[in-house]
Protein backbone atom coordinates (compact mmCIF):
# COMPACT_ATOMS: atom_id res chain seq x y z
CA UNK A 1 -7.28 8.91 51.62
CA UNK A 2 -8.01 9.11 47.91
CA UNK A 3 -5.38 7.77 45.51
CA UNK A 4 -3.26 10.35 43.62
CA UNK A 5 -4.89 9.31 40.33
CA UNK A 6 -8.39 9.99 41.69
CA UNK A 7 -7.33 13.37 43.06
CA UNK A 8 -5.81 14.34 39.72
CA UNK A 9 -8.89 13.07 37.88
CA UNK A 10 -11.17 15.15 40.10
CA UNK A 11 -9.10 18.27 39.47
CA UNK A 12 -9.08 17.65 35.73
CA UNK A 13 -12.82 17.05 35.74
CA UNK A 14 -13.41 20.35 37.51
CA UNK A 15 -11.19 22.15 35.03
CA UNK A 16 -12.79 20.31 32.13
CA UNK A 17 -16.21 21.63 33.09
CA UNK A 18 -15.10 24.97 31.67
CA UNK A 19 -14.21 23.40 28.32
CA UNK A 20 -16.50 22.44 25.43
CA UNK A 21 -17.28 18.73 25.33
CA UNK A 22 -16.79 18.51 21.58
CA UNK A 23 -17.61 19.98 18.23
CA UNK A 24 -21.31 20.58 17.66
CA UNK A 25 -21.27 19.28 14.12
CA UNK A 26 -19.30 16.19 13.18
CA UNK A 27 -17.93 15.69 9.66
CA UNK A 28 -19.00 12.08 9.10
CA UNK A 29 -16.49 11.56 6.30
CA UNK A 30 -13.44 12.69 8.28
CA UNK A 31 -11.58 11.30 11.29
CA UNK A 32 -8.84 12.90 13.40
CA UNK A 33 -6.71 10.40 15.30
CA UNK A 34 -4.37 11.52 18.09
CA UNK A 35 -0.93 9.93 18.47
CA UNK A 36 1.74 10.45 21.12
CA UNK A 37 4.70 10.24 18.75
CA UNK A 38 5.42 11.42 15.24
CA UNK A 39 6.96 8.71 13.05
CA UNK A 40 10.53 9.32 11.85
CA UNK A 41 9.40 8.33 8.34
CA UNK A 42 6.63 6.29 6.71
CA UNK A 43 8.41 3.21 5.31
CA UNK A 44 7.42 0.23 7.50
CA UNK A 45 10.06 -1.97 5.89
CA UNK A 46 12.90 0.28 7.03
CA UNK A 47 12.29 1.29 10.63
CA UNK A 48 11.64 0.03 14.15
CA UNK A 49 9.43 2.89 15.37
CA UNK A 50 5.90 1.70 16.18
CA UNK A 51 4.58 5.12 15.13
CA UNK A 52 5.29 4.17 11.50
CA UNK A 53 2.94 1.19 11.80
CA UNK A 54 0.34 3.23 13.68
CA UNK A 55 -0.09 5.39 10.59
CA UNK A 56 0.50 2.94 7.76
CA UNK A 57 -0.57 -0.59 8.78
CA UNK A 58 -3.42 -1.80 6.53
CA UNK A 59 -4.23 1.84 5.75
CA UNK A 60 -1.45 2.52 3.22
CA UNK A 61 0.43 -0.77 2.94
CA UNK A 62 -0.65 -4.38 2.72
CA UNK A 63 1.16 -7.69 3.14
CA UNK A 64 0.53 -11.20 1.87
CA UNK A 65 -1.52 -11.98 4.97
CA UNK A 66 -3.13 -9.63 7.42
CA UNK A 67 -3.55 -9.62 11.20
CA UNK A 68 -7.06 -8.67 12.20
CA UNK A 69 -8.37 -7.05 15.41
CA UNK A 70 -8.52 -10.46 17.13
CA UNK A 71 -4.93 -11.30 16.26
CA UNK A 72 -5.98 -13.87 13.67
CA UNK A 73 -4.20 -14.39 10.34
CA UNK A 74 -6.58 -13.56 7.47
CA UNK A 75 -6.07 -13.02 3.72
CA UNK A 76 -4.27 -9.88 2.64
CA UNK A 77 -2.78 -9.44 -0.82
CA UNK A 78 -2.92 -13.22 -0.99
CA UNK A 79 -6.54 -14.33 -1.17
CA UNK A 80 -5.56 -17.91 -0.26
CA UNK A 81 -2.54 -20.14 0.30
CA UNK A 82 -1.53 -23.76 0.56
CA UNK A 83 1.22 -25.24 2.74
CA UNK A 84 3.09 -28.38 1.80
CA UNK A 85 2.93 -31.37 4.22
CA UNK A 86 6.52 -30.79 5.34
CA UNK A 87 5.73 -27.15 6.22
CA UNK A 88 8.39 -25.79 3.90
CA UNK A 89 6.55 -24.58 0.80
CA UNK A 90 3.88 -21.87 0.83
CA UNK A 91 1.96 -21.28 -2.39
CA UNK A 92 0.17 -17.93 -2.32
CA UNK A 93 -2.67 -17.13 -4.74
CA UNK A 94 -2.66 -13.37 -5.19
CA UNK A 95 -5.62 -11.05 -5.64
CA UNK A 96 -6.10 -10.19 -9.32
CA UNK A 97 -7.48 -6.68 -8.94
CA UNK A 98 -4.73 -4.81 -7.10
CA UNK A 99 -2.87 -1.65 -8.11
CA UNK A 100 -0.51 0.66 -6.28
CA UNK A 101 -1.52 4.22 -5.46
CA UNK A 102 0.58 5.56 -8.35
CA UNK A 103 -1.21 3.30 -10.84
CA UNK A 104 1.54 0.67 -11.01
CA UNK A 105 0.22 -2.86 -11.36
CA UNK A 106 0.70 -5.47 -8.65
CA UNK A 107 1.72 -9.07 -9.33
CA UNK A 108 3.96 -11.85 -8.04
CA UNK A 109 7.10 -10.03 -9.19
CA UNK A 110 6.39 -7.41 -6.51
CA UNK A 111 6.15 -10.14 -3.89
CA UNK A 112 9.51 -11.54 -4.94
CA UNK A 113 11.07 -8.07 -4.98
CA UNK A 114 9.74 -7.16 -1.53
CA UNK A 115 10.69 -10.42 0.19
CA UNK A 116 14.12 -10.62 -1.45
CA UNK A 117 14.72 -6.99 -0.47
CA UNK A 118 13.71 -7.66 3.14
CA UNK A 119 16.05 -10.64 3.48
CA UNK A 120 18.92 -9.25 1.42
CA UNK A 121 22.41 -8.63 2.72
CA UNK A 122 21.92 -4.85 2.74
CA UNK A 123 18.38 -4.98 4.19
CA UNK A 124 17.54 -2.34 6.79
CA UNK A 125 14.35 -4.14 7.81
CA UNK A 126 13.87 -3.93 11.59
CA UNK A 127 12.57 -7.52 11.65
CA UNK A 128 14.99 -9.14 9.25
CA UNK A 129 14.67 -12.34 11.28
CA UNK A 130 11.11 -12.77 9.98
CA UNK A 131 12.61 -13.60 6.58
CA UNK A 132 15.62 -15.65 7.70
CA UNK A 133 14.00 -19.00 6.94
CA UNK A 134 13.16 -18.08 3.34
CA UNK A 135 15.26 -20.07 0.90
CA UNK A 136 13.67 -18.87 -2.34
CA UNK A 137 10.74 -16.96 -3.81
CA UNK A 138 9.46 -18.15 -7.18
CA UNK A 139 6.85 -16.63 -9.51
CA UNK A 140 5.39 -19.34 -11.76
CA UNK A 141 2.74 -16.88 -12.99
CA UNK A 142 1.71 -13.27 -12.23
CA UNK A 143 -0.84 -14.29 -9.60
CA UNK A 144 1.15 -17.06 -7.87
CA UNK A 145 4.09 -16.67 -5.49
CA UNK A 146 5.82 -19.74 -4.08
CA UNK A 147 7.92 -19.23 -0.96
CA UNK A 148 10.17 -22.12 0.04
CA UNK A 149 11.64 -22.19 3.54
CA UNK A 150 14.87 -23.85 4.65
CA UNK A 151 13.19 -24.97 7.91
CA UNK A 152 9.65 -25.02 9.32
CA UNK A 153 8.56 -21.73 10.88
CA UNK A 154 5.47 -21.81 13.07
CA UNK A 155 5.17 -18.01 12.93
CA UNK A 156 5.65 -17.59 9.19
CA UNK A 157 2.08 -16.73 8.17
CA UNK A 158 1.71 -14.39 11.15
CA UNK A 159 5.00 -12.66 10.37
CA UNK A 160 3.99 -12.27 6.73
CA UNK A 161 1.04 -10.25 8.01
CA UNK A 162 3.27 -7.73 9.74
CA UNK A 163 3.99 -4.27 8.38
CA UNK A 164 7.65 -5.23 8.13
CA UNK A 165 6.54 -7.67 5.41
CA UNK A 166 4.60 -5.03 3.47
CA UNK A 167 4.72 -5.67 -0.27
CA UNK A 168 6.33 -2.62 -1.84
CA UNK A 169 6.97 -1.96 -5.51
CA UNK A 170 10.44 -1.54 -7.07
CA UNK A 171 9.21 1.68 -8.72
CA UNK A 172 8.54 3.42 -5.38
CA UNK A 173 10.42 1.50 -2.65
CA UNK A 174 13.27 4.01 -2.51
CA UNK A 175 10.98 6.97 -1.79
CA UNK A 176 8.48 5.41 0.61
CA UNK A 177 10.02 7.16 3.61
CA UNK A 178 8.55 10.52 2.68
CA UNK A 179 6.09 9.63 -0.10
CA UNK A 180 4.69 6.20 0.71
CA UNK A 181 3.05 4.28 -2.12
CA UNK A 182 1.17 1.14 -1.20
CA UNK A 183 -1.89 -0.83 -2.26
CA UNK A 184 -4.12 -0.02 0.72
CA UNK A 185 -7.57 1.62 0.87
CA UNK A 186 -6.05 4.99 1.75
CA UNK A 187 -3.35 6.89 -0.09
CA UNK A 188 -0.87 9.42 1.25
CA UNK A 189 -1.92 13.06 0.87
CA UNK A 190 0.49 15.21 2.89
CA UNK A 191 2.76 15.39 5.91
CA UNK A 192 2.99 18.59 7.93
CA UNK A 193 6.16 17.99 9.95
CA UNK A 194 5.64 18.24 13.68
CA UNK A 195 1.87 18.33 13.36
CA UNK A 196 0.06 15.77 11.18
CA UNK A 197 -0.06 13.18 8.42
CA UNK A 198 -3.14 13.20 6.18
CA UNK A 199 -4.47 10.15 4.30
CA UNK A 200 -7.35 10.23 1.82
CA UNK A 201 -9.56 7.55 0.30
CA UNK A 202 -7.95 5.55 -2.50
CA UNK A 203 -10.53 5.73 -5.32
CA UNK A 204 -8.85 2.83 -7.10
CA UNK A 205 -9.12 0.38 -4.22
CA UNK A 206 -10.46 -3.00 -5.27
CA UNK A 207 -13.39 -2.93 -2.80
CA UNK A 208 -15.60 0.13 -3.36
CA UNK A 209 -17.15 -0.29 0.12
CA UNK A 210 -13.73 0.17 1.79
CA UNK A 211 -12.81 2.49 3.37
CA UNK A 212 -15.86 4.15 4.87
CA UNK A 213 -14.05 7.45 5.51
CA UNK A 214 -12.84 9.96 2.97
CA UNK A 215 -10.02 11.48 5.03
CA UNK A 216 -8.03 10.48 8.10
CA UNK A 217 -5.75 12.91 9.90
CA UNK A 218 -3.10 11.65 12.34
CA UNK A 219 -2.30 14.45 14.81
CA UNK A 220 0.88 14.26 16.90
CA UNK A 221 0.37 15.45 20.50
CA UNK A 222 2.96 14.35 23.04
CA UNK A 223 1.98 16.42 26.09
CA UNK A 224 -0.56 14.57 28.33
CA UNK A 225 -2.49 17.72 29.25
CA UNK A 226 -2.68 18.72 25.59
CA UNK A 227 -4.01 15.25 24.74
CA UNK A 228 -6.89 15.68 27.19
CA UNK A 229 -7.60 19.21 25.97
CA UNK A 230 -7.63 18.05 22.34
CA UNK A 231 -10.21 15.38 23.13
CA UNK A 232 -12.48 17.60 25.18
CA UNK A 233 -12.31 20.53 22.75
CA UNK A 234 -13.24 18.31 19.81
CA UNK A 235 -9.96 18.86 17.96
CA UNK A 236 -9.31 15.11 18.06
CA UNK A 237 -11.92 12.37 17.58
CA UNK A 238 -9.95 9.50 19.08
CA UNK A 239 -6.75 8.70 20.94
CA UNK A 240 -6.34 4.91 20.46
CA UNK A 241 -3.21 4.90 22.67
CA UNK A 242 -3.52 7.87 24.98
CA UNK A 243 -0.50 8.72 27.09
CA UNK A 244 -2.53 10.71 29.61
CA UNK A 245 -3.82 7.66 31.47
CA UNK A 246 -4.65 9.88 34.45
CA UNK A 247 -7.37 11.45 32.32
CA UNK A 248 -9.24 8.19 31.68
CA UNK A 249 -11.59 8.52 34.70
CA UNK A 250 -12.46 12.05 33.53
CA UNK A 251 -13.26 10.93 30.00
CA UNK A 252 -15.06 7.77 31.12
CA UNK A 253 -17.39 9.89 33.27
CA UNK A 254 -18.29 12.03 30.24
CA UNK A 255 -21.06 10.56 28.10
CA UNK A 256 -19.54 12.15 25.01
CA UNK A 257 -16.69 9.62 25.05
CA UNK A 258 -16.07 5.89 25.12
CA UNK A 259 -13.02 4.58 27.00
CA UNK A 260 -11.52 1.13 26.38
CA UNK A 261 -8.53 -0.53 28.02
CA UNK A 262 -7.26 -3.48 26.04
CA UNK A 263 -4.03 -5.41 25.58
CA UNK A 264 -0.91 -4.75 23.54
CA UNK A 265 2.22 -6.71 22.71
CA UNK A 266 4.30 -4.00 24.39
CA UNK A 267 6.71 -5.38 26.99
CA UNK A 268 7.91 -2.28 28.83
CA UNK A 269 11.44 -2.77 30.14
CA UNK A 270 14.18 -0.93 31.94
CA UNK A 271 16.77 -1.97 29.38
CA UNK A 272 20.35 -2.49 30.54
CA UNK A 273 23.46 -2.48 28.37
CA UNK A 274 24.75 -5.97 29.11
CA UNK A 275 27.88 -5.29 27.05
CA UNK A 276 28.97 -2.30 29.20
CA UNK A 277 30.38 -2.27 32.72
CA UNK A 278 29.02 -2.64 35.33
CA UNK A 279 25.96 -4.23 33.68
CA UNK A 280 28.06 -7.07 32.22
CA UNK A 281 27.95 -8.53 35.77
CA UNK A 282 24.76 -10.47 36.48
CA UNK A 283 25.01 -9.50 40.16
CA UNK A 284 24.71 -5.85 39.22
CA UNK A 285 21.74 -6.54 36.95
CA UNK A 286 20.05 -8.51 39.72
CA UNK A 287 20.75 -5.66 42.12
CA UNK A 288 18.99 -3.25 39.77
CA UNK A 289 16.03 -5.65 39.56
CA UNK A 290 15.76 -5.81 43.36
CA UNK A 291 16.01 -2.01 43.59
CA UNK A 292 13.01 -1.42 41.34
CA UNK A 293 9.44 -1.61 42.61
CA UNK A 294 7.52 -2.24 39.39
CA UNK A 295 4.11 -1.65 40.98
CA UNK A 296 5.20 1.85 42.05
CA UNK A 297 6.31 2.47 38.46
CA UNK A 298 2.92 1.30 37.16
CA UNK A 299 1.06 3.45 39.70
CA UNK A 300 3.21 6.53 39.21
CA UNK A 301 3.84 6.45 35.47
CA UNK A 302 0.63 4.77 34.29
CA UNK A 303 -1.78 5.64 37.13
CA UNK A 304 -2.34 1.96 37.80
CA UNK A 305 -2.88 0.87 34.19
CA UNK A 306 -0.51 -1.93 33.19
CA UNK A 307 0.12 -5.59 34.03
CA UNK A 308 3.37 -6.48 35.87
CA UNK A 309 5.70 -8.83 33.99
CA UNK A 310 8.78 -10.77 35.07
CA UNK A 311 10.21 -11.60 31.65
CA UNK A 312 9.83 -10.55 28.03
CA UNK A 313 6.45 -12.12 27.27
CA UNK A 314 2.86 -10.91 27.13
CA UNK A 315 0.63 -12.32 29.91
CA UNK A 316 -2.24 -12.96 27.48
CA UNK A 317 -0.08 -15.25 25.31
CA UNK A 318 -0.05 -19.05 25.50
CA UNK A 319 3.18 -20.12 27.20
CA UNK A 320 3.35 -17.16 29.60
CA UNK A 321 5.10 -17.88 32.91
CA UNK A 322 4.58 -15.55 35.88
CA UNK A 323 8.08 -14.65 37.08
CA UNK A 324 7.20 -11.38 38.77
CA UNK A 325 8.16 -12.77 42.19
CA UNK A 326 11.75 -13.63 41.24
CA UNK A 327 13.21 -10.27 42.26
CA UNK A 328 11.05 -8.77 45.02
CA UNK A 329 11.64 -5.11 45.85
CA UNK A 330 14.50 -5.22 48.36
CA UNK A 331 16.95 -2.26 48.45
CA UNK A 332 19.06 -3.99 51.14
CA UNK A 333 19.47 -7.07 48.93
CA UNK A 334 20.37 -4.75 46.05
CA UNK A 335 23.10 -3.05 48.09
CA UNK A 336 24.48 -6.42 49.18
CA UNK A 337 24.69 -7.64 45.58
CA UNK A 338 26.41 -4.42 44.52
CA UNK A 339 28.98 -4.83 47.33
CA UNK A 340 29.55 -8.45 46.27
CA UNK A 341 30.15 -7.25 42.71
CA UNK A 342 32.72 -4.69 43.89
CA UNK A 343 30.51 -1.59 44.18
CA UNK A 344 30.00 -1.09 47.94
CA UNK A 345 29.37 2.62 47.38
CA UNK A 346 27.17 2.08 44.36
CA UNK A 347 27.95 3.73 41.02
CA UNK A 348 26.90 6.49 38.64
CA UNK A 349 25.08 5.84 35.37
CA UNK A 350 23.00 7.58 32.73
CA UNK A 351 19.43 6.73 31.78
CA UNK A 352 18.41 7.94 28.32
CA UNK A 353 14.67 8.31 27.96
CA UNK A 354 12.68 8.48 24.69
CA UNK A 355 9.57 10.71 24.49
CA UNK A 356 6.67 8.39 25.49
CA UNK A 357 4.96 9.47 28.67
CA UNK A 358 5.52 6.08 30.33
CA UNK A 359 9.27 6.39 29.71
CA UNK A 360 9.69 9.95 30.94
CA UNK A 361 7.54 9.45 34.04
CA UNK A 362 8.89 5.95 34.65
CA UNK A 363 12.48 7.15 34.42
CA UNK A 364 11.98 9.68 37.20
CA UNK A 365 10.49 6.99 39.47
CA UNK A 366 13.19 4.43 38.67
CA UNK A 367 15.94 6.99 39.33
CA UNK A 368 14.53 7.68 42.79
CA UNK A 369 14.24 3.95 43.55
CA UNK A 370 17.78 3.13 42.40
CA UNK A 371 19.16 5.99 44.48
CA UNK A 372 18.01 4.11 47.60
CA UNK A 373 20.34 1.27 46.60
CA UNK A 374 23.26 3.59 45.84
CA UNK A 375 22.87 3.74 42.06
CA UNK A 376 22.95 7.40 41.04
CA UNK A 377 21.29 8.09 37.70
CA UNK A 378 21.61 11.13 35.50
CA UNK A 379 18.48 11.50 33.38
CA UNK A 380 18.83 12.45 29.72
CA UNK A 381 15.52 13.00 27.88
CA UNK A 382 15.85 12.35 24.16
CA UNK A 383 13.63 12.86 21.14
CA UNK A 384 12.67 9.78 19.17
CA UNK A 385 15.03 10.07 16.20
CA UNK A 386 18.19 10.64 18.33
CA UNK A 387 17.12 7.81 20.66
CA UNK A 388 16.80 5.42 17.72
CA UNK A 389 20.16 6.52 16.35
CA UNK A 390 22.18 6.65 19.57
CA UNK A 391 20.57 4.04 21.81
CA UNK A 392 18.83 1.52 19.55
CA UNK A 393 21.22 1.50 16.61
CA UNK A 394 24.37 2.91 18.22
CA UNK A 395 24.07 0.94 21.50
CA UNK A 396 25.48 3.98 23.33
CA UNK A 397 23.63 3.87 26.65
CA UNK A 398 23.66 2.53 30.20
CA UNK A 399 19.91 2.29 30.78
CA UNK A 400 16.73 3.25 28.99
CA UNK A 401 12.99 2.59 29.26
CA UNK A 402 10.96 1.54 26.23
CA UNK A 403 8.08 -0.72 25.21
CA UNK A 404 8.87 -3.43 22.65
CA UNK A 405 5.57 -3.75 20.80
CA UNK A 406 6.24 -6.42 18.18
CA UNK A 407 4.31 -9.65 18.87
CA UNK A 408 6.21 -12.65 20.25
CA UNK A 409 9.50 -10.78 19.97
CA UNK A 410 11.40 -12.70 22.65
CA UNK A 411 13.76 -13.72 19.83
CA UNK A 412 15.38 -10.27 19.92
CA UNK A 413 17.46 -11.53 22.87
CA UNK A 414 19.11 -13.99 20.50
CA UNK A 415 20.32 -11.34 18.07
CA UNK A 416 24.06 -10.83 18.63
CA UNK A 417 24.00 -7.20 17.48
CA UNK A 418 20.85 -6.17 19.37
CA UNK A 419 21.16 -3.15 21.61
CA UNK A 420 20.85 -5.07 24.90
CA UNK A 421 24.28 -6.60 24.22
CA UNK A 422 23.12 -9.97 25.62
CA UNK A 423 24.79 -13.27 24.71
CA UNK A 424 23.69 -16.68 25.98
CA UNK A 425 24.35 -20.09 24.44
CA UNK A 426 21.60 -21.52 26.63
CA UNK A 427 19.07 -19.04 25.29
CA UNK A 428 20.28 -19.48 21.71
CA UNK A 429 19.74 -23.24 21.95
CA UNK A 430 16.13 -22.74 23.06
CA UNK A 431 15.53 -20.29 20.22
CA UNK A 432 17.03 -22.71 17.73
CA UNK A 433 14.65 -25.47 18.80
CA UNK A 434 11.74 -23.02 18.83
CA UNK A 435 12.49 -21.97 15.26
CA UNK A 436 12.13 -25.59 14.15
CA UNK A 437 9.04 -26.39 16.22
CA UNK A 438 5.50 -26.09 14.91
CA UNK A 439 3.50 -28.09 17.49
CA UNK A 440 1.69 -25.51 19.75
CA UNK A 441 2.17 -27.20 23.15
CA UNK A 442 5.88 -27.73 22.57
CA UNK A 443 6.27 -24.13 21.40
CA UNK A 444 4.54 -22.91 24.57
CA UNK A 445 6.91 -24.99 26.71
CA UNK A 446 9.94 -23.60 24.87
CA UNK A 447 8.64 -20.06 25.32
CA UNK A 448 8.49 -20.82 29.05
CA UNK A 449 12.11 -21.99 29.03
CA UNK A 450 13.16 -18.84 27.21
CA UNK A 451 11.37 -16.62 29.72
CA UNK A 452 13.06 -18.34 32.67
CA UNK A 453 16.53 -17.93 31.17
CA UNK A 454 16.03 -14.20 30.58
CA UNK A 455 14.69 -13.72 34.09
CA UNK A 456 17.47 -15.75 35.67
CA UNK A 457 20.09 -13.74 33.77
CA UNK A 458 18.21 -10.54 34.70
CA UNK A 459 18.96 -9.23 31.21
CA UNK A 460 16.65 -6.26 31.74
CA UNK A 461 14.28 -5.16 34.46
CA UNK A 462 10.89 -6.29 33.16
CA UNK A 463 8.34 -3.70 34.27
CA UNK A 464 4.86 -4.07 32.79
CA UNK A 465 2.81 -4.94 29.73
CA UNK A 466 1.73 -1.71 28.12
CA UNK A 467 -2.07 -1.40 28.05
CA UNK A 468 -3.98 -0.14 25.05
CA UNK A 469 -5.70 2.74 26.80
CA UNK A 470 -7.98 4.30 24.20
CA UNK A 471 -10.67 6.95 24.09
CA UNK A 472 -12.93 8.03 21.26
CA UNK A 473 -16.03 10.09 20.68
CA UNK A 474 -19.32 8.34 21.15
CA UNK A 475 -20.71 7.24 17.81
CA UNK A 476 -17.37 6.19 16.35
CA UNK A 477 -17.13 2.48 15.56
CA UNK A 478 -14.52 0.11 14.16
CA UNK A 479 -11.41 1.01 16.18
CA UNK A 480 -9.41 -1.89 17.62
CA UNK A 481 -9.78 -2.50 21.36
CA UNK A 482 -6.57 -4.57 21.52
CA UNK A 483 -3.30 -4.26 19.61
CA UNK A 484 -2.16 -7.69 18.37
CA UNK A 485 0.24 -5.71 16.17
CA UNK A 486 1.14 -2.00 16.34
CA UNK A 487 -1.61 -0.37 14.28
CA UNK A 488 -4.32 2.24 14.02
CA UNK A 489 -6.23 0.28 11.39
CA UNK A 490 -9.03 2.62 10.30
CA UNK A 491 -10.13 0.65 7.25
CA UNK A 492 -13.41 -0.37 8.93
CA UNK A 493 -13.97 2.78 11.02
CA UNK A 494 -17.13 4.80 10.55
CA UNK A 495 -19.50 7.20 12.32
CA UNK A 496 -22.93 6.03 13.43
């Protein structure tokens, strides 16, 4: 018997034969990128939504360093840097020929403003921990910024290449949510709410050969069928992270398209509110883990695309430990644990699901699986902004499904106010040592310890590593195959 994904692909292929394969004439100066989600705003220093980075990273905003397509740290606004022998002082030499999109000049004062703002008491930066080790930022001259840390930080240069560390200007920082002003090779043109964001070439960019495109349009298309239709009709040139994974065999069989499946930093979890009954009981959390069959979730929600995980760590990272066998699918074991915890008849709960396809489809599958163990879920679909407000910031939820796409973000489990509601002195001690450790092998070992603690405490149900399932028109080059950071970096994209 054919698999459901192959049957669906065959049906889509037959239907697609009636549709045009793409536009007959391609505007070689313009690119239309499809995205599943519309960002809530466009200030990367003030929001956790990956969709913000997917529009703005390296395109509009730049940081001191930059993360390239291979995940390597390369120069950004700093053309070079030196690190003191004790690992505490970073001296950044800044590029001399940089201006903001509004004509404002860039210098070391902007670096100090941006980093002090990110680490300030009233900071709303989603990754405020990236800046926690900074003791001071000094500006001995306009093209030199000296950052002194209070402790060594093995991730500092990488973190300074994130979009959360974008260098923003005091003149425009307050209005970047709707009218972003950066130093990147594209500048903001317009935002048509619910439909698209348009970027155009920045004529004042320091390198006249970058970018290669004159206009980039980010189209927001959440429905999987509409994503496929947009690709095949030629309305969209590329979907770097397509939600309609069931359509990949269709598109791969069509010579007009190129399909790539790479890696992301997105740990996809069934998140549990550890601070709310009954999930404050580890036996209940373990019962939920035993009730879930992650491979069925991968097959049903992702059509087989996705790598199973057993803790909050990407399998392609050094230090990964395979813990997927710790809680095998066992509804009987789940019911026994629930009875031991005082819930012999199970319980009722609510699962609040954000818009991504993996979350909506995955939530339906998880609800059916948990029902077999006596856990009765009511499904509440939510749009992205309410989910961020109610679940992520307000911590008002029982369960949810979401991918955490920041690289090496296992430290979120050590944040006392994080939405999981998890507290562990054991885990905090490992994080503390990790924060002071630079040597790679020791860091990898500590990451392993951290993974084991999270799995043992069954903080969340760890489902799968989100793949970077992308499709683009043949002849388009320069898109990233993997996502070492959340990004649709189009600065090197061009048409053949």
